[in-house]
PDB file of N, CA and C in Angstrom:
ATOM      1  N   MET A   1     -10.491 -11.788   2.483  1.00  0.00           N
ATOM      2  CA  MET A   1      -9.246 -11.767   1.739  1.00  0.00           C
ATOM      3  C   MET A   1      -9.396 -10.817   0.550  1.00  0.00           C
ATOM      4  N   ASN A   2      -8.372 -10.008   0.326  1.00  0.00           N
ATOM      5  CA  ASN A   2      -8.400  -9.075  -0.790  1.00  0.00           C
ATOM      6  C   ASN A   2      -8.075  -9.779  -2.100  1.00  0.00           C
ATOM      7  N   THR A   3      -8.598  -9.235  -3.162  1.00  0.00           N
ATOM      8  CA  THR A   3      -8.292  -9.751  -4.492  1.00  0.00           C
ATOM      9  C   THR A   3      -7.797  -8.591  -5.342  1.00  0.00           C
ATOM     10  N   THR A   4      -7.316  -8.893  -6.513  1.00  0.00           N
ATOM     11  CA  THR A   4      -6.836  -7.828  -7.392  1.00  0.00           C
ATOM     12  C   THR A   4      -7.967  -6.929  -7.867  1.00  0.00           C
ATOM     13  N   LYS A   5      -9.200  -7.354  -7.741  1.00  0.00           N
ATOM     14  CA  LYS A   5     -10.331  -6.515  -8.132  1.00  0.00           C
ATOM     15  C   LYS A   5     -10.506  -5.333  -7.176  1.00  0.00           C
ATOM     16  N   THR A   6     -10.020  -5.455  -5.924  1.00  0.00           N
ATOM     17  CA  THR A   6     -10.184  -4.388  -4.936  1.00  0.00           C
ATOM     18  C   THR A   6      -9.011  -3.409  -4.922  1.00  0.00           C
ATOM     19  N   ILE A   7      -7.994  -3.642  -5.732  1.00  0.00           N
ATOM     20  CA  ILE A   7      -6.825  -2.769  -5.752  1.00  0.00           C
ATOM     21  C   ILE A   7      -7.173  -1.405  -6.344  1.00  0.00           C
ATOM     22  N   GLY A   8      -7.987  -1.367  -7.333  1.00  0.00           N
ATOM     23  CA  GLY A   8      -8.342  -0.113  -7.975  1.00  0.00           C
ATOM     24  C   GLY A   8      -7.579   0.071  -9.275  1.00  0.00           C
ATOM     25  N   SER A   9      -7.974   1.079 -10.007  1.00  0.00           N
ATOM     26  CA  SER A   9      -7.345   1.328 -11.296  1.00  0.00           C
ATOM     27  C   SER A   9      -5.993   2.026 -11.100  1.00  0.00           C
ATOM     28  N   PHE A  10      -5.281   2.189 -12.182  1.00  0.00           N
ATOM     29  CA  PHE A  10      -3.974   2.855 -12.156  1.00  0.00           C
ATOM     30  C   PHE A  10      -4.088   4.246 -11.554  1.00  0.00           C
ATOM     31  N   ASP A  11      -5.083   5.018 -11.954  1.00  0.00           N
ATOM     32  CA  ASP A  11      -5.229   6.386 -11.473  1.00  0.00           C
ATOM     33  C   ASP A  11      -5.782   6.468 -10.056  1.00  0.00           C
ATOM     34  N   ASP A  12      -6.283   5.371  -9.494  1.00  0.00           N
ATOM     35  CA  ASP A  12      -6.719   5.341  -8.097  1.00  0.00           C
ATOM     36  C   ASP A  12      -5.540   5.128  -7.153  1.00  0.00           C
ATOM     37  N   GLN A  13      -4.386   4.733  -7.677  1.00  0.00           N
ATOM     38  CA  GLN A  13      -3.191   4.465  -6.878  1.00  0.00           C
ATOM     39  C   GLN A  13      -2.174   5.582  -7.080  1.00  0.00           C
ATOM     40  N   GLU A  14      -1.220   5.689  -6.147  1.00  0.00           N
ATOM     41  CA  GLU A  14      -0.177   6.712  -6.243  1.00  0.00           C
ATOM     42  C   GLU A  14       1.058   6.115  -6.915  1.00  0.00           C
ATOM     43  N   HIS A  15       1.273   6.477  -8.166  1.00  0.00           N
ATOM     44  CA  HIS A  15       2.450   6.033  -8.917  1.00  0.00           C
ATOM     45  C   HIS A  15       3.334   7.245  -9.171  1.00  0.00           C
ATOM     46  N   GLN A  16       4.642   7.088  -8.856  1.00  0.00           N
ATOM     47  CA  GLN A  16       5.599   8.176  -9.010  1.00  0.00           C
ATOM     48  C   GLN A  16       6.848   7.662  -9.717  1.00  0.00           C
ATOM     49  N   LEU A  17       7.556   8.590 -10.359  1.00  0.00           N
ATOM     50  CA  LEU A  17       8.760   8.244 -11.100  1.00  0.00           C
ATOM     51  C   LEU A  17       9.755   9.389 -10.954  1.00  0.00           C
ATOM     52  N   GLY A  18      11.036   9.053 -10.798  1.00  0.00           N
ATOM     53  CA  GLY A  18      12.036  10.108 -10.702  1.00  0.00           C
ATOM     54  C   GLY A  18      13.399   9.580 -10.332  1.00  0.00           C
ATOM     55  N   PRO A  19      14.425  10.436 -10.403  1.00  0.00           N
ATOM     56  CA  PRO A  19      15.794  10.022 -10.102  1.00  0.00           C
ATOM     57  C   PRO A  19      16.073   9.987  -8.597  1.00  0.00           C
ATOM     58  N   LEU A  20      17.022   9.139  -8.218  1.00  0.00           N
ATOM     59  CA  LEU A  20      17.483   9.033  -6.833  1.00  0.00           C
ATOM     60  C   LEU A  20      19.007   9.078  -6.856  1.00  0.00           C
ATOM     61  N   PHE A  21      19.585   9.921  -6.023  1.00  0.00           N
ATOM     62  CA  PHE A  21      21.038  10.063  -5.947  1.00  0.00           C
ATOM     63  C   PHE A  21      21.520   9.582  -4.579  1.00  0.00           C
ATOM     64  N   LYS A  22      22.459   8.627  -4.575  1.00  0.00           N
ATOM     65  CA  LYS A  22      23.021   8.094  -3.335  1.00  0.00           C
ATOM     66  C   LYS A  22      24.406   8.683  -3.120  1.00  0.00           C
ATOM     67  N   PHE A  23      24.765   8.889  -1.833  1.00  0.00           N
ATOM     68  CA  PHE A  23      26.073   9.438  -1.516  1.00  0.00           C
ATOM     69  C   PHE A  23      26.595   8.849  -0.220  1.00  0.00           C
ATOM     70  N   SER A  24      27.923   8.886  -0.062  1.00  0.00           N
ATOM     71  CA  SER A  24      28.595   8.431   1.156  1.00  0.00           C
ATOM     72  C   SER A  24      29.431   9.569   1.707  1.00  0.00           C
ATOM     73  N   LEU A  25      29.413   9.709   3.024  1.00  0.00           N
ATOM     74  CA  LEU A  25      30.208  10.715   3.717  1.00  0.00           C
ATOM     75  C   LEU A  25      31.179  10.005   4.656  1.00  0.00           C
ATOM     76  N   ASN A  26      32.006  10.775   5.358  1.00  0.00           N
ATOM     77  CA  ASN A  26      32.967  10.211   6.310  1.00  0.00           C
ATOM     78  C   ASN A  26      32.264   9.725   7.573  1.00  0.00           C
ATOM     79  N   ASN A  27      32.950   8.881   8.328  1.00  0.00           N
ATOM     80  CA  ASN A  27      32.526   8.426   9.657  1.00  0.00           C
ATOM     81  C   ASN A  27      31.218   7.657   9.660  1.00  0.00           C
ATOM     82  N   GLY A  28      30.939   6.897   8.613  1.00  0.00           N
ATOM     83  CA  GLY A  28      29.760   6.037   8.603  1.00  0.00           C
ATOM     84  C   GLY A  28      28.464   6.668   8.133  1.00  0.00           C
ATOM     85  N   TRP A  29      28.486   7.913   7.714  1.00  0.00           N
ATOM     86  CA  TRP A  29      27.276   8.583   7.243  1.00  0.00           C
ATOM     87  C   TRP A  29      27.085   8.339   5.749  1.00  0.00           C
ATOM     88  N   SER A  30      25.848   8.134   5.346  1.00  0.00           N
ATOM     89  CA  SER A  30      25.490   8.039   3.937  1.00  0.00           C
ATOM     90  C   SER A  30      24.059   8.528   3.791  1.00  0.00           C
ATOM     91  N   GLY A  31      23.577   8.550   2.587  1.00  0.00           N
ATOM     92  CA  GLY A  31      22.213   9.003   2.393  1.00  0.00           C
ATOM     93  C   GLY A  31      21.820   9.022   0.936  1.00  0.00           C
ATOM     94  N   ASN A  32      20.661   9.578   0.695  1.00  0.00           N
ATOM     95  CA  ASN A  32      20.175   9.712  -0.666  1.00  0.00           C
ATOM     96  C   ASN A  32      19.167  10.856  -0.727  1.00  0.00           C
ATOM     97  N   PHE A  33      18.980  11.364  -1.916  1.00  0.00           N
ATOM     98  CA  PHE A  33      17.930  12.352  -2.141  1.00  0.00           C
ATOM     99  C   PHE A  33      17.408  12.186  -3.556  1.00  0.00           C
ATOM    100  N   GLY A  34      16.174  12.587  -3.740  1.00  0.00           N
ATOM    101  CA  GLY A  34      15.565  12.432  -5.045  1.00  0.00           C
ATOM    102  C   GLY A  34      14.352  13.320  -5.222  1.00  0.00           C
ATOM    103  N   ALA A  35      13.900  13.381  -6.443  1.00  0.00           N
ATOM    104  CA  ALA A  35      12.698  14.129  -6.810  1.00  0.00           C
ATOM    105  C   ALA A  35      11.761  13.167  -7.519  1.00  0.00           C
ATOM    106  N   LEU A  36      10.552  13.073  -7.018  1.00  0.00           N
ATOM    107  CA  LEU A  36       9.560  12.177  -7.606  1.00  0.00           C
ATOM    108  C   LEU A  36       8.449  12.991  -8.245  1.00  0.00           C
ATOM    109  N   TYR A  37       7.971  12.517  -9.363  1.00  0.00           N
ATOM    110  CA  TYR A  37       6.909  13.202 -10.097  1.00  0.00           C
ATOM    111  C   TYR A  37       5.744  12.246 -10.282  1.00  0.00           C
ATOM    112  N   GLY A  38       4.541  12.726 -10.009  1.00  0.00           N
ATOM    113  CA  GLY A  38       3.349  11.897 -10.109  1.00  0.00           C
ATOM    114  C   GLY A  38       3.025  11.558 -11.550  1.00  0.00           C
ATOM    115  N   ILE A  39       2.751  10.266 -11.787  1.00  0.00           N
ATOM    116  CA  ILE A  39       2.362   9.833 -13.120  1.00  0.00           C
ATOM    117  C   ILE A  39       0.943   9.257 -13.130  1.00  0.00           C
ATOM    118  N   SER A  40       0.269   9.305 -11.991  1.00  0.00           N
ATOM    119  CA  SER A  40      -1.144   8.917 -11.928  1.00  0.00           C
ATOM    120  C   SER A  40      -1.923  10.053 -11.266  1.00  0.00           C
ATOM    121  N   ASP A  41      -3.222  10.031 -11.423  1.00  0.00           N
ATOM    122  CA  ASP A  41      -4.064  11.121 -10.910  1.00  0.00           C
ATOM    123  C   ASP A  41      -4.004  11.252  -9.389  1.00  0.00           C
ATOM    124  N   SER A  42      -3.874  10.144  -8.651  1.00  0.00           N
ATOM    125  CA  SER A  42      -3.882  10.187  -7.184  1.00  0.00           C
ATOM    126  C   SER A  42      -2.545  10.601  -6.583  1.00  0.00           C
ATOM    127  N   ALA A  43      -1.478  10.537  -7.342  1.00  0.00           N
ATOM    128  CA  ALA A  43      -0.152  10.868  -6.831  1.00  0.00           C
ATOM    129  C   ALA A  43       0.038  12.382  -6.789  1.00  0.00           C
ATOM    130  N   PRO A  44       0.843  12.866  -5.823  1.00  0.00           N
ATOM    131  CA  PRO A  44       1.157  14.301  -5.823  1.00  0.00           C
ATOM    132  C   PRO A  44       1.961  14.662  -7.073  1.00  0.00           C
ATOM    133  N   ASP A  45       1.836  15.902  -7.535  1.00  0.00           N
ATOM    134  CA  ASP A  45       2.555  16.323  -8.741  1.00  0.00           C
ATOM    135  C   ASP A  45       4.063  16.238  -8.562  1.00  0.00           C
ATOM    136  N   LYS A  46       4.570  16.701  -7.401  1.00  0.00           N
ATOM    137  CA  LYS A  46       6.009  16.668  -7.104  1.00  0.00           C
ATOM    138  C   LYS A  46       6.204  16.279  -5.650  1.00  0.00           C
ATOM    139  N   GLU A  47       7.265  15.533  -5.403  1.00  0.00           N
ATOM    140  CA  GLU A  47       7.626  15.165  -4.028  1.00  0.00           C
ATOM    141  C   GLU A  47       9.138  15.049  -3.961  1.00  0.00           C
ATOM    142  N   TYR A  48       9.733  15.673  -2.950  1.00  0.00           N
ATOM    143  CA  TYR A  48      11.176  15.626  -2.759  1.00  0.00           C
ATOM    144  C   TYR A  48      11.474  14.847  -1.486  1.00  0.00           C
ATOM    145  N   ARG A  49      12.497  13.978  -1.557  1.00  0.00           N
ATOM    146  CA  ARG A  49      12.849  13.154  -0.400  1.00  0.00           C
ATOM    147  C   ARG A  49      14.342  13.230  -0.145  1.00  0.00           C
ATOM    148  N   MET A  50      14.688  13.183   1.143  1.00  0.00           N
ATOM    149  CA  MET A  50      16.083  13.089   1.545  1.00  0.00           C
ATOM    150  C   MET A  50      16.182  12.184   2.755  1.00  0.00           C
ATOM    151  N   THR A  51      17.164  11.284   2.730  1.00  0.00           N
ATOM    152  CA  THR A  51      17.375  10.346   3.823  1.00  0.00           C
ATOM    153  C   THR A  51      18.845  10.390   4.236  1.00  0.00           C
ATOM    154  N   LEU A  52      19.100  10.518   5.537  1.00  0.00           N
ATOM    155  CA  LEU A  52      20.446  10.429   6.093  1.00  0.00           C
ATOM    156  C   LEU A  52      20.540   9.144   6.909  1.00  0.00           C
ATOM    157  N   ILE A  53      21.636   8.435   6.757  1.00  0.00           N
ATOM    158  CA  ILE A  53      21.817   7.142   7.420  1.00  0.00           C
ATOM    159  C   ILE A  53      23.158   7.147   8.132  1.00  0.00           C
ATOM    160  N   PHE A  54      23.147   6.676   9.388  1.00  0.00           N
ATOM    161  CA  PHE A  54      24.388   6.513  10.139  1.00  0.00           C
ATOM    162  C   PHE A  54      24.556   5.035  10.450  1.00  0.00           C
ATOM    163  N   GLY A  55      25.598   4.428   9.942  1.00  0.00           N
ATOM    164  CA  GLY A  55      25.870   3.019  10.213  1.00  0.00           C
ATOM    165  C   GLY A  55      26.816   2.860  11.390  1.00  0.00           C
ATOM    166  N   PHE A  56      26.491   1.932  12.274  1.00  0.00           N
ATOM    167  CA  PHE A  56      27.371   1.692  13.430  1.00  0.00           C
ATOM    168  C   PHE A  56      27.531   0.220  13.658  1.00  0.00           C
TER     169      PHE A  56
END
């Protein structure tokens, strides 16, 4: 069983922070996009994400 001692320090984990923008389109489409910035040593400096969702 894992314990909190095996999690590692803050800089051993990937911590990111940044804005996320959500949007809705016609015909059931929606999505979001954002830019994340690393705030710990293990996290990438920049990461961009985009998600498209179709609801049915």
